Each structure stands twice: as structure tokens, then as C-alpha cells.
C-alpha atoms as a PDB file:
ATOM      1  CA  MET A   1     -50.417 -40.221  14.921  1.00  0.00           C
ATOM      2  CA  GLU A   2     -52.546 -40.951  18.004  1.00  0.00           C
ATOM      3  CA  LEU A   3     -50.704 -40.058  21.206  1.00  0.00           C
ATOM      4  CA  GLU A   4     -51.870 -39.770  24.789  1.00  0.00           C
ATOM      5  CA  ARG A   5     -51.526 -36.353  26.371  1.00  0.00           C
ATOM      6  CA  VAL A   6     -49.819 -36.237  29.754  1.00  0.00           C
ATOM      7  CA  ARG A   7     -50.865 -33.846  32.518  1.00  0.00           C
ATOM      8  CA  LEU A   8     -47.249 -33.080  33.319  1.00  0.00           C
ATOM      9  CA  GLY A   9     -47.828 -31.066  36.471  1.00  0.00           C
ATOM     10  CA  GLU A  10     -49.338 -34.157  38.079  1.00  0.00           C
ATOM     11  CA  VAL A  11     -46.961 -36.769  36.646  1.00  0.00           C
ATOM     12  CA  VAL A  12     -43.463 -35.257  36.701  1.00  0.00           C
ATOM     13  CA  ALA A  13     -41.547 -35.845  39.945  1.00  0.00           C
ATOM     14  CA  LEU A  14     -41.523 -32.181  40.975  1.00  0.00           C
ATOM     15  CA  GLU A  15     -39.819 -32.889  44.300  1.00  0.00           C
ATOM     16  CA  ALA A  16     -36.972 -34.565  42.414  1.00  0.00           C
ATOM     17  CA  LEU A  17     -36.694 -31.565  40.103  1.00  0.00           C
ATOM     18  CA  GLU A  18     -36.426 -29.221  43.071  1.00  0.00           C
ATOM     19  CA  ALA A  19     -33.754 -31.422  44.656  1.00  0.00           C
ATOM     20  CA  CYS A  20     -31.881 -31.390  41.342  1.00  0.00           C
ATOM     21  CA  ARG A  21     -32.141 -27.594  41.211  1.00  0.00           C
ATOM     22  CA  HIS A  22     -30.585 -27.266  44.672  1.00  0.00           C
ATOM     23  CA  LEU A  23     -27.756 -29.648  43.820  1.00  0.00           C
ATOM     24  CA  ALA A  24     -27.222 -28.055  40.397  1.00  0.00           C
ATOM     25  CA  TYR A  25     -26.830 -24.634  42.009  1.00  0.00           C
ATOM     26  CA  LEU A  26     -24.118 -25.893  44.347  1.00  0.00           C
ATOM     27  CA  VAL A  27     -22.299 -27.773  41.602  1.00  0.00           C
ATOM     28  CA  ALA A  28     -22.516 -24.973  39.021  1.00  0.00           C
ATOM     29  CA  HIS A  29     -21.131 -22.415  41.469  1.00  0.00           C
ATOM     30  CA  ASP A  30     -18.231 -24.406  42.946  1.00  0.00           C
ATOM     31  CA  PHE A  31     -17.438 -26.361  39.794  1.00  0.00           C
ATOM     32  CA  GLY A  32     -17.325 -23.158  37.761  1.00  0.00           C
ATOM     33  CA  ASN A  33     -14.859 -21.543  40.175  1.00  0.00           C
ATOM     34  CA  MET A  34     -12.552 -24.563  40.105  1.00  0.00           C
ATOM     35  CA  ARG A  35     -12.717 -24.789  36.313  1.00  0.00           C
ATOM     36  CA  THR A  36     -11.822 -21.106  35.989  1.00  0.00           C
ATOM     37  CA  ALA A  37      -8.742 -21.581  38.169  1.00  0.00           C
ATOM     38  CA  VAL A  38      -7.517 -24.590  36.167  1.00  0.00           C
ATOM     39  CA  ASP A  39      -8.263 -22.902  32.844  1.00  0.00           C
ATOM     40  CA  GLY A  40      -6.559 -19.665  33.861  1.00  0.00           C
ATOM     41  CA  ASN A  41      -3.373 -21.377  34.971  1.00  0.00           C
ATOM     42  CA  ALA A  42      -3.262 -23.461  31.785  1.00  0.00           C
ATOM     43  CA  GLU A  43      -3.517 -20.259  29.727  1.00  0.00           C
ATOM     44  CA  LEU A  44      -0.621 -18.759  31.696  1.00  0.00           C
ATOM     45  CA  ILE A  45       1.495 -21.843  30.947  1.00  0.00           C
ATOM     46  CA  VAL A  46       0.734 -21.454  27.232  1.00  0.00           C
ATOM     47  CA  ARG A  47       1.803 -17.811  27.297  1.00  0.00           C
ATOM     48  CA  GLY A  48       4.996 -18.418  29.257  1.00  0.00           C
ATOM     49  CA  HIS A  49       6.200 -21.721  27.789  1.00  0.00           C
ATOM     50  CA  GLY A  50       4.973 -21.688  24.198  1.00  0.00           C
ATOM     51  CA  ASP A  51       8.321 -22.948  22.929  1.00  0.00           C
ATOM     52  CA  ASP A  52       8.067 -26.238  24.854  1.00  0.00           C
ATOM     53  CA  ALA A  53       6.200 -28.520  22.437  1.00  0.00           C
ATOM     54  CA  SER A  54       5.767 -31.398  24.896  1.00  0.00           C
ATOM     55  CA  LEU A  55       4.394 -29.107  27.612  1.00  0.00           C
ATOM     56  CA  MET A  56       2.089 -27.424  25.094  1.00  0.00           C
ATOM     57  CA  ARG A  57       0.545 -30.768  24.078  1.00  0.00           C
ATOM     58  CA  ARG A  58      -0.241 -31.567  27.703  1.00  0.00           C
ATOM     59  CA  THR A  59      -1.567 -28.090  28.354  1.00  0.00           C
ATOM     60  CA  GLN A  60      -3.841 -28.261  25.318  1.00  0.00           C
ATOM     61  CA  ASN A  61      -5.281 -31.499  26.714  1.00  0.00           C
ATOM     62  CA  ILE A  62      -6.070 -29.600  29.917  1.00  0.00           C
ATOM     63  CA  LEU A  63      -7.781 -26.811  27.940  1.00  0.00           C
ATOM     64  CA  VAL A  64      -9.868 -29.331  25.995  1.00  0.00           C
ATOM     65  CA  ALA A  65     -10.999 -30.900  29.277  1.00  0.00           C
ATOM     66  CA  THR A  66     -11.850 -27.517  30.828  1.00  0.00           C
ATOM     67  CA  GLY A  67     -13.830 -26.667  27.702  1.00  0.00           C
ATOM     68  CA  GLN A  68     -15.926 -29.778  28.286  1.00  0.00           C
ATOM     69  CA  MET A  69     -16.296 -28.767  31.933  1.00  0.00           C
ATOM     70  CA  ALA A  70     -17.490 -25.336  30.829  1.00  0.00           C
ATOM     71  CA  ARG A  71     -20.237 -26.891  28.677  1.00  0.00           C
ATOM     72  CA  LEU A  72     -21.431 -28.944  31.651  1.00  0.00           C
ATOM     73  CA  SER A  73     -21.414 -25.890  33.915  1.00  0.00           C
ATOM     74  CA  HIS A  74     -23.279 -23.850  31.288  1.00  0.00           C
ATOM     75  CA  GLY A  75     -25.841 -26.620  30.900  1.00  0.00           C
ATOM     76  CA  LEU A  76     -26.497 -26.537  34.645  1.00  0.00           C
ATOM     77  CA  GLU A  77     -26.966 -22.774  34.422  1.00  0.00           C
ATOM     78  CA  GLN A  78     -29.577 -23.290  31.696  1.00  0.00           C
ATOM     79  CA  PHE A  79     -31.393 -25.829  33.866  1.00  0.00           C
ATOM     80  CA  LEU A  80     -31.403 -23.333  36.729  1.00  0.00           C
ATOM     81  CA  GLY A  81     -32.743 -20.586  34.460  1.00  0.00           C
ATOM     82  CA  TYR A  82     -29.999 -18.090  35.287  1.00  0.00           C
ATOM     83  CA  PRO A  83     -30.573 -14.600  33.804  1.00  0.00           C
ATOM     84  CA  SER A  84     -29.290 -14.375  30.252  1.00  0.00           C
ATOM     85  CA  ARG A  85     -26.236 -12.284  29.452  1.00  0.00           C
ATOM     86  CA  ASP A  86     -27.491 -11.835  25.885  1.00  0.00           C
ATOM     87  CA  ASN A  87     -30.266  -9.773  24.316  1.00  0.00           C
ATOM     88  CA  PRO A  88     -33.410 -11.131  26.069  1.00  0.00           C
ATOM     89  CA  THR A  89     -35.567 -11.186  22.915  1.00  0.00           C
ATOM     90  CA  ALA A  90     -35.295 -13.264  19.753  1.00  0.00           C
ATOM     91  CA  THR A  91     -37.263 -14.487  16.742  1.00  0.00           C
ATOM     92  CA  ILE A  92     -37.504 -18.071  15.553  1.00  0.00           C
ATOM     93  CA  ALA A  93     -36.458 -17.236  11.984  1.00  0.00           C
ATOM     94  CA  ALA A  94     -32.725 -17.688  12.578  1.00  0.00           C
ATOM     95  CA  ALA A  95     -32.983 -20.982  14.502  1.00  0.00           C
ATOM     96  CA  ASP A  96     -31.268 -24.079  13.085  1.00  0.00           C
ATOM     97  CA  PHE A  97     -33.513 -27.160  13.159  1.00  0.00           C
ATOM     98  CA  GLY A  98     -30.709 -29.618  12.439  1.00  0.00           C
ATOM     99  CA  GLY A  99     -31.816 -30.701   8.991  1.00  0.00           C
ATOM    100  CA  ILE A 100     -35.543 -30.780   9.837  1.00  0.00           C
ATOM    101  CA  ALA A 101     -37.680 -28.414   7.745  1.00  0.00           C
ATOM    102  CA  PRO A 102     -40.142 -26.836  10.206  1.00  0.00           C
ATOM    103  CA  GLU A 103     -43.634 -25.569   9.400  1.00  0.00           C
ATOM    104  CA  VAL A 104     -43.511 -21.980  10.607  1.00  0.00           C
ATOM    105  CA  ALA A 105     -46.544 -19.727  10.824  1.00  0.00           C
ATOM    106  CA  PRO A 106     -46.107 -16.248   9.298  1.00  0.00           C
ATOM    107  CA  ASN A 107     -45.593 -12.997  11.185  1.00  0.00           C
ATOM    108  CA  LEU A 108     -44.461 -14.515  14.474  1.00  0.00           C
ATOM    109  CA  PRO A 109     -43.528 -11.963  17.167  1.00  0.00           C
ATOM    110  CA  PRO A 110     -40.297 -12.058  19.214  1.00  0.00           C
ATOM    111  CA  VAL A 111     -40.207 -14.187  22.347  1.00  0.00           C
ATOM    112  CA  ALA A 112     -38.802 -13.542  25.821  1.00  0.00           C
ATOM    113  CA  LEU A 113     -35.576 -15.494  25.213  1.00  0.00           C
ATOM    114  CA  SER A 114     -32.150 -14.707  23.834  1.00  0.00           C
ATOM    115  CA  ALA A 115     -31.260 -16.151  20.422  1.00  0.00           C
ATOM    116  CA  VAL A 116     -28.728 -18.467  22.115  1.00  0.00           C
ATOM    117  CA  ARG A 117     -31.303 -19.902  24.513  1.00  0.00           C
ATOM    118  CA  LEU A 118     -33.982 -20.216  21.850  1.00  0.00           C
ATOM    119  CA  GLN A 119     -31.509 -22.207  19.756  1.00  0.00           C
ATOM    120  CA  ARG A 120     -30.677 -24.442  22.722  1.00  0.00           C
ATOM    121  CA  VAL A 121     -34.378 -25.259  23.148  1.00  0.00           C
ATOM    122  CA  VAL A 122     -34.715 -26.098  19.448  1.00  0.00           C
ATOM    123  CA  THR A 123     -31.550 -28.207  19.446  1.00  0.00           C
ATOM    124  CA  ALA A 124     -32.491 -30.133  22.593  1.00  0.00           C
ATOM    125  CA  LEU A 125     -35.964 -30.988  21.262  1.00  0.00           C
ATOM    126  CA  ILE A 126     -34.623 -32.059  17.865  1.00  0.00           C
ATOM    127  CA  ASP A 127     -31.815 -34.131  19.445  1.00  0.00           C
ATOM    128  CA  ASN A 128     -34.338 -35.810  21.749  1.00  0.00           C
ATOM    129  CA  ALA A 129     -36.456 -36.767  18.741  1.00  0.00           C
ATOM    130  CA  LYS A 130     -33.433 -38.073  16.858  1.00  0.00           C
ATOM    131  CA  ASP A 131     -32.431 -40.193  19.857  1.00  0.00           C
ATOM    132  CA  ALA A 132     -35.967 -41.602  20.045  1.00  0.00           C
ATOM    133  CA  THR A 133     -35.791 -42.752  16.421  1.00  0.00           C
ATOM    134  CA  LEU A 134     -32.350 -44.375  16.568  1.00  0.00           C
ATOM    135  CA  ASN A 135     -33.694 -47.846  17.393  1.00  0.00           C
ATOM    136  CA  HIS A 136     -37.281 -47.170  16.300  1.00  0.00           C
ATOM    137  CA  PRO A 137     -36.980 -45.420  12.914  1.00  0.00           C
ATOM    138  CA  GLY A 138     -39.687 -42.907  12.098  1.00  0.00           C
ATOM    139  CA  ALA A 139     -40.372 -39.400  10.876  1.00  0.00           C
ATOM    140  CA  ILE A 140     -39.568 -36.207  12.793  1.00  0.00           C
ATOM    141  CA  ARG A 141     -41.665 -33.060  12.337  1.00  0.00           C
ATOM    142  CA  ALA A 142     -41.365 -29.558  13.765  1.00  0.00           C
ATOM    143  CA  THR A 143     -43.930 -26.751  13.803  1.00  0.00           C
ATOM    144  CA  VAL A 144     -43.929 -23.215  15.167  1.00  0.00           C
ATOM    145  CA  ALA A 145     -47.140 -21.252  15.685  1.00  0.00           C
ATOM    146  CA  MET A 146     -48.898 -18.826  17.997  1.00  0.00           C
ATOM    147  CA  MET A 147     -51.383 -19.990  20.608  1.00  0.00           C
ATOM    148  CA  THR A 148     -53.543 -18.312  23.224  1.00  0.00           C
ATOM    149  CA  VAL A 149     -52.908 -20.240  26.429  1.00  0.00           C
ATOM    150  CA  ASP A 150     -55.840 -20.144  28.861  1.00  0.00           C
ATOM    151  CA  GLU A 151     -56.276 -21.546  32.358  1.00  0.00           C
ATOM    152  CA  ALA A 152     -57.599 -24.861  31.029  1.00  0.00           C
ATOM    153  CA  GLU A 153     -54.539 -25.326  28.819  1.00  0.00           C
ATOM    154  CA  MET A 154     -52.165 -24.333  31.624  1.00  0.00           C
ATOM    155  CA  ALA A 155     -53.512 -27.201  33.734  1.00  0.00           C
ATOM    156  CA  TRP A 156     -51.829 -29.630  31.314  1.00  0.00           C
ATOM    157  CA  LEU A 157     -48.422 -27.948  31.409  1.00  0.00           C
ATOM    158  CA  LEU A 158     -45.241 -28.381  33.338  1.00  0.00           C
ATOM    159  CA  ARG A 159     -44.817 -24.654  33.857  1.00  0.00           C
ATOM    160  CA  SER A 160     -43.498 -21.753  35.826  1.00  0.00           C
ATOM    161  CA  PRO A 161     -45.705 -20.673  38.761  1.00  0.00           C
ATOM    162  CA  LYS A 162     -45.380 -17.174  37.256  1.00  0.00           C
ATOM    163  CA  MET A 163     -46.820 -18.145  33.881  1.00  0.00           C
ATOM    164  CA  ARG A 164     -49.922 -16.136  32.975  1.00  0.00           C
ATOM    165  CA  PRO A 165     -52.654 -16.847  30.413  1.00  0.00           C
ATOM    166  CA  GLY A 166     -51.951 -15.139  27.117  1.00  0.00           C
ATOM    167  CA  GLN A 167     -50.134 -15.359  23.827  1.00  0.00           C
ATOM    168  CA  CYS A 168     -47.294 -17.846  23.476  1.00  0.00           C
ATOM    169  CA  LEU A 169     -45.137 -19.027  20.644  1.00  0.00           C
ATOM    170  CA  VAL A 170     -45.513 -22.817  20.608  1.00  0.00           C
ATOM    171  CA  LEU A 171     -42.520 -24.771  19.321  1.00  0.00           C
ATOM    172  CA  THR A 172     -43.540 -28.398  18.746  1.00  0.00           C
ATOM    173  CA  VAL A 173     -41.307 -31.335  17.820  1.00  0.00           C
ATOM    174  CA  GLU A 174     -42.939 -34.691  17.112  1.00  0.00           C
ATOM    175  CA  ASP A 175     -41.313 -38.027  16.369  1.00  0.00           C
ATOM    176  CA  GLU A 176     -42.506 -41.499  15.417  1.00  0.00           C
ATOM    177  CA  GLY A 177     -39.918 -43.105  17.666  1.00  0.00           C
ATOM    178  CA  GLU A 178     -39.950 -45.345  20.698  1.00  0.00           C
ATOM    179  CA  GLY A 179     -42.157 -43.172  22.930  1.00  0.00           C
ATOM    180  CA  MET A 180     -41.822 -42.802  26.693  1.00  0.00           C
ATOM    181  CA  ALA A 181     -42.740 -45.168  29.492  1.00  0.00           C
ATOM    182  CA  ALA A 182     -44.465 -43.672  32.541  1.00  0.00           C
ATOM    183  CA  GLU A 183     -41.273 -43.792  34.618  1.00  0.00           C
ATOM    184  CA  THR A 184     -39.349 -42.012  31.865  1.00  0.00           C
ATOM    185  CA  VAL A 185     -41.938 -39.223  31.824  1.00  0.00           C
ATOM    186  CA  ARG A 186     -41.614 -38.799  35.598  1.00  0.00           C
ATOM    187  CA  HIS A 187     -37.888 -38.095  35.383  1.00  0.00           C
ATOM    188  CA  CYS A 188     -37.183 -36.939  31.809  1.00  0.00           C
ATOM    189  CA  PHE A 189     -36.624 -33.277  32.783  1.00  0.00           C
ATOM    190  CA  GLU A 190     -33.986 -34.049  35.439  1.00  0.00           C
ATOM    191  CA  PRO A 191     -30.389 -33.221  34.427  1.00  0.00           C
ATOM    192  CA  ALA A 192     -28.971 -36.532  35.676  1.00  0.00           C
ATOM    193  CA  PHE A 193     -31.581 -38.716  33.948  1.00  0.00           C
ATOM    194  CA  SER A 194     -31.110 -40.473  30.621  1.00  0.00           C
ATOM    195  CA  THR A 195     -32.307 -43.625  28.883  1.00  0.00           C
ATOM    196  CA  ARG A 196     -29.166 -43.567  26.692  1.00  0.00           C
ATOM    197  CA  LEU A 197     -25.956 -45.429  27.422  1.00  0.00           C
ATOM    198  CA  ARG A 198     -24.046 -42.354  26.277  1.00  0.00           C
ATOM    199  CA  ARG A 199     -25.520 -38.995  27.224  1.00  0.00           C
ATOM    200  CA  GLN A 200     -25.178 -36.046  24.856  1.00  0.00           C
ATOM    201  CA  GLY A 201     -25.657 -32.695  26.616  1.00  0.00           C
ATOM    202  CA  MET A 202     -28.304 -31.874  29.204  1.00  0.00           C
ATOM    203  CA  GLY A 203     -31.281 -32.735  26.982  1.00  0.00           C
ATOM    204  CA  LEU A 204     -34.789 -31.956  28.202  1.00  0.00           C
ATOM    205  CA  SER A 205     -33.510 -30.564  31.496  1.00  0.00           C
ATOM    206  CA  GLU A 206     -32.254 -27.540  29.552  1.00  0.00           C
ATOM    207  CA  VAL A 207     -35.650 -27.158  27.885  1.00  0.00           C
ATOM    208  CA  TYR A 208     -37.294 -27.210  31.309  1.00  0.00           C
ATOM    209  CA  GLY A 209     -34.836 -24.705  32.771  1.00  0.00           C
ATOM    210  CA  ILE A 210     -34.994 -22.275  29.883  1.00  0.00           C
ATOM    211  CA  VAL A 211     -38.730 -22.440  29.149  1.00  0.00           C
ATOM    212  CA  CYS A 212     -40.118 -22.804  32.680  1.00  0.00           C
ATOM    213  CA  ASN A 213     -37.484 -21.068  34.806  1.00  0.00           C
ATOM    214  CA  ALA A 214     -35.969 -18.412  32.545  1.00  0.00           C
ATOM    215  CA  CYS A 215     -38.987 -17.116  30.611  1.00  0.00           C
ATOM    216  CA  ASN A 216     -42.014 -18.186  32.705  1.00  0.00           C
ATOM    217  CA  GLY A 217     -43.389 -20.531  30.066  1.00  0.00           C
ATOM    218  CA  GLY A 218     -44.535 -24.141  30.023  1.00  0.00           C
ATOM    219  CA  ILE A 219     -44.126 -27.544  28.355  1.00  0.00           C
ATOM    220  CA  SER A 220     -46.707 -29.977  26.941  1.00  0.00           C
ATOM    221  CA  LEU A 221     -46.141 -33.665  26.289  1.00  0.00           C
ATOM    222  CA  TRP A 222     -47.965 -36.374  24.338  1.00  0.00           C
ATOM    223  CA  THR A 223     -46.438 -39.837  24.139  1.00  0.00           C
ATOM    224  CA  GLN A 224     -47.133 -43.525  23.699  1.00  0.00           C
ATOM    225  CA  GLU A 225     -44.650 -46.369  23.802  1.00  0.00           C
ATOM    226  CA  ASN A 226     -43.653 -47.725  20.372  1.00  0.00           C
ATOM    227  CA  VAL A 227     -45.689 -44.966  18.697  1.00  0.00           C
ATOM    228  CA  GLY A 228     -43.874 -41.692  19.337  1.00  0.00           C
ATOM    229  CA  THR A 229     -43.651 -38.473  21.312  1.00  0.00           C
ATOM    230  CA  ARG A 230     -44.717 -34.867  20.826  1.00  0.00           C
ATOM    231  CA  ILE A 231     -43.211 -32.123  22.987  1.00  0.00           C
ATOM    232  CA  ALA A 232     -44.329 -28.496  22.799  1.00  0.00           C
ATOM    233  CA  ALA A 233     -42.528 -25.560  24.404  1.00  0.00           C
ATOM    234  CA  HIS A 234     -44.908 -22.672  25.193  1.00  0.00           C
ATOM    235  CA  ILE A 235     -42.741 -19.550  25.185  1.00  0.00           C
ATOM    236  CA  PRO A 236     -44.352 -16.215  26.143  1.00  0.00           C
ATOM    237  CA  VAL A 237     -44.050 -13.415  23.596  1.00  0.00           C
ATOM    238  CA  THR A 238     -42.122 -10.380  24.714  1.00  0.00           C
ATOM    239  CA  GLU A 239     -45.226  -8.364  25.553  1.00  0.00           C
ATOM    240  CA  GLN A 240     -45.923 -10.774  28.441  1.00  0.00           C
ATOM    241  CA  ARG A 241     -42.476 -10.672  29.997  1.00  0.00           C
ATOM    242  CA  ASP A 242     -41.677  -8.541  33.079  1.00  0.00           C
ATOM    243  CA  PHE A 243     -38.114  -7.271  32.617  1.00  0.00           C
END
């Protein structure tokens, strides 16, 4: 599949990403505090009035809504690249590729991400590919391999300013879907951007936050309208990470 590679650092609207990061920080902080207050009071109602069936139904509706709020708040935290509360190293072996059988190179080392965040990157890339093939059916492929990233390669990446040349695990998801227009590429890593009528999760903004902000890695992109898209997450192996 012939796709055009995009020099993301020159194409992505970096000023818009920085504005989104500032807004996301404010929203994640204040929104999280308000959600905690609502959630905590709903839990107290459940404990004190468990025998009131009508009240319990209404309270459960509140808890469902606050659960959805928590997922949004957590997604913003991923975009911001907040420090992980989990073990900061993981291997790709346990990741779920959502029904896609990946080609995985042998003897891959751990990467500088928790298992939860590594899974979120995999899921977001696979979901993005599935969305791209909804109205433009085509194959989806995933590969995982090691790569030595040098200065020339880094020039193509949307990446952390702290990323250094060296060994990276490269997680690549490729689809034969609708591809991306130039304007879509400019904004596809922003948390508020979507080409879908109904958004599902934070999408590529989480990939950007986790790969570029949380583990000092980078992202590559190849795309062509009506042909498909290939996205590769370059995740530093643990030996590169400064803890």
C-alpha cells in the first residue's frame, strides 16, 4: 500500500496542541474535584438509604454519570501525560489488539510505560483504524518491532523535546480505510477534534499524550485519502528512560 509520509512536526498545529494542554489541565483538575464530590455524596446516600428502592434507582443513575465523567477526566490526564500510578514498565505480550492478530518480533524488551497505558495506546490505534474502515472497508494490520531511531528519523516525528536517539519499540497500525485529509492531520491529536458524528473516547490525543508526553517518545504518520493510514508509536525501551 503506497502512502505518503507526513513530517508531523511541521504539519501538526502545535500551537493548538499547547492551547489544548493548558485547557485540559484546568478542566481535569476542577472537573475531577467536582466529580469526586458528587460521587462521594451519592455513595453516602447508597449507604444510608439502601432500603429506598426509588431513591436507589436515581442514585445509581448519578453513579453511572460520574463514572462516565471519570473516564473523561482520566482521558484528559492521559493527554497531559500525568505520571503513572502503576508500574512504569511493561511488555507488549499481554496487550489486547481487539481481534487483530499482530506480527510481533521476538525477544522484545520492556518499554517505559505501564501496562495500562501501553494497552490504551494499542486500543486507541486499533479503534482509529476500525473507524477509518467503517465507510471505506479494508484490511487492518498491526506490527510490533524494535527500531534504532536516529536524528534523521526523529525529524519526521511528532515527538517529545526530550526524546533521544536510540532503541525504541515501534507499534504500527495500518488500515486500508478512508485516509486523512491535510486538515485532519493538522488537528487529529487534539482531544476536542473528531471526524465522527459520535466520538468514542479521546482517540489519538491519548496516544500523543502517553507516547510524547509521558514516555518521551514520538509518533510517525503515513496517509493518503481513499487509500489508508499508517500510524507508528515509537516508545523508548526502559534503558532510555530517566526515572
